[in-house]
Amino acid sequence: MAKALSKSQVASVLAEKVGITKKQAVQFLDEQAALAYKNAKNTFTLPGLGKLVLVNRKARVGRNPMTGESINIPAKRVVKFRIAKAAKDAILGTK
């Protein structure tokens, strides 16, 4: 299995494809991440990839795997990334 691309490698490929400097590509990636963090509360969409959404998880009863003892897990808010259909089809292929 191939290794995941690093931020530097992604910036290099984007810079080459779009015709900008690597420094500008890194700056774009940083600004996009900052924008996603700032707007994740309202859902943040990356066109063609998916969207970041906040989800409220309910409180539930879990089990300690070591002792088998039941424990209460409190309710909490979590961030999820929902993959766009276009991305799924491009990666997995259509059936």
Protein backbone atom coordinates (compact mmCIF):
# COMPACT_ATOMS: atom_id res chain seq x y z
CA MET A 1 0.00 0.00 0.00
CA ALA A 2 1.34 3.44 -0.91
CA LYS A 3 2.15 6.04 1.72
CA ALA A 4 -0.10 9.06 2.23
CA LEU A 5 1.11 12.33 0.72
CA SER A 6 2.60 14.85 3.14
CA LYS A 7 1.48 18.48 3.21
CA SER A 8 4.68 19.45 1.37
CA GLN A 9 4.07 16.86 -1.36
CA VAL A 10 0.44 17.98 -1.78
CA ALA A 11 1.61 21.61 -2.04
CA SER A 12 4.22 20.66 -4.65
CA VAL A 13 1.70 18.82 -6.84
CA LEU A 14 -0.87 21.63 -6.56
CA ALA A 15 1.74 24.28 -7.34
CA GLU A 16 2.86 22.40 -10.44
CA LYS A 17 -0.69 21.70 -11.72
CA VAL A 18 -2.06 25.21 -11.10
CA GLY A 19 1.07 27.13 -12.04
CA ILE A 20 1.75 28.90 -8.74
CA THR A 21 4.70 28.80 -6.36
CA LYS A 22 4.96 26.12 -3.71
CA LYS A 23 4.85 28.85 -1.05
CA GLN A 24 1.50 30.09 -2.41
CA ALA A 25 0.15 26.53 -2.45
CA VAL A 26 1.15 26.02 1.21
CA GLN A 27 -0.47 29.35 2.10
CA PHE A 28 -3.66 28.28 0.30
CA LEU A 29 -3.78 24.97 2.21
CA ASP A 30 -3.24 26.78 5.53
CA GLU A 31 -5.98 29.32 4.80
CA GLN A 32 -8.38 26.61 3.69
CA ALA A 33 -7.79 24.69 6.92
CA ALA A 34 -8.28 27.85 9.01
CA LEU A 35 -11.52 28.60 7.16
CA ALA A 36 -12.74 25.03 7.76
CA TYR A 37 -11.98 25.28 11.50
CA LYS A 38 -13.76 28.61 11.77
CA ASN A 39 -16.90 27.52 9.88
CA ALA A 40 -17.22 23.87 10.97
CA LYS A 41 -20.00 24.84 13.42
CA ASN A 42 -22.28 25.64 10.46
CA THR A 43 -20.96 22.76 8.28
CA PHE A 44 -18.09 23.43 5.93
CA THR A 45 -18.20 22.00 2.41
CA LEU A 46 -15.18 21.11 0.31
CA PRO A 47 -16.72 20.92 -3.17
CA GLY A 48 -16.22 17.50 -4.74
CA LEU A 49 -14.83 15.96 -1.52
CA GLY A 50 -17.38 16.24 1.25
CA LYS A 51 -18.29 18.32 4.27
CA LEU A 52 -17.39 18.79 7.92
CA VAL A 53 -20.41 18.59 10.21
CA LEU A 54 -20.94 18.79 13.96
CA VAL A 55 -22.91 15.86 15.37
CA ASN A 56 -24.39 15.51 18.85
CA ARG A 57 -23.82 12.04 20.30
CA LYS A 58 -26.24 10.77 22.92
CA ALA A 59 -25.13 9.50 26.31
CA ARG A 60 -24.79 5.74 26.33
CA VAL A 61 -23.64 2.78 28.38
CA GLY A 62 -20.35 1.23 27.31
CA ARG A 63 -18.26 -1.64 28.56
CA ASN A 64 -14.72 -1.64 29.91
CA PRO A 65 -12.93 -4.24 27.74
CA MET A 66 -10.50 -5.21 30.52
CA THR A 67 -13.01 -5.84 33.32
CA GLY A 68 -16.31 -6.13 31.48
CA GLU A 69 -17.72 -3.49 33.84
CA SER A 70 -20.47 -1.23 32.49
CA ILE A 71 -19.56 2.47 32.35
CA ASN A 72 -21.58 5.54 31.47
CA ILE A 73 -20.30 7.50 28.47
CA PRO A 74 -21.56 11.11 28.55
CA ALA A 75 -23.16 12.93 25.64
CA LYS A 76 -20.76 14.99 23.53
CA ARG A 77 -20.36 16.89 20.29
CA VAL A 78 -18.05 15.44 17.64
CA VAL A 79 -16.83 16.54 14.23
CA LYS A 80 -17.49 14.17 11.32
CA PHE A 81 -16.49 14.31 7.68
CA ARG A 82 -19.18 13.16 5.27
CA ILE A 83 -17.78 12.05 1.92
CA ALA A 84 -19.49 13.44 -1.18
CA LYS A 85 -21.09 10.98 -3.61
CA ALA A 86 -18.84 12.26 -6.41
CA ALA A 87 -15.74 11.41 -4.32
CA LYS A 88 -17.04 7.93 -3.47
CA ASP A 89 -17.78 7.20 -7.11
CA ALA A 90 -14.37 8.50 -8.25
CA ILE A 91 -12.48 6.43 -5.66
CA LEU A 92 -14.52 3.23 -5.50
CA GLY A 93 -16.08 3.30 -8.94
CA THR A 94 -19.78 3.03 -9.69
CA LYS A 95 -21.65 -0.25 -9.38
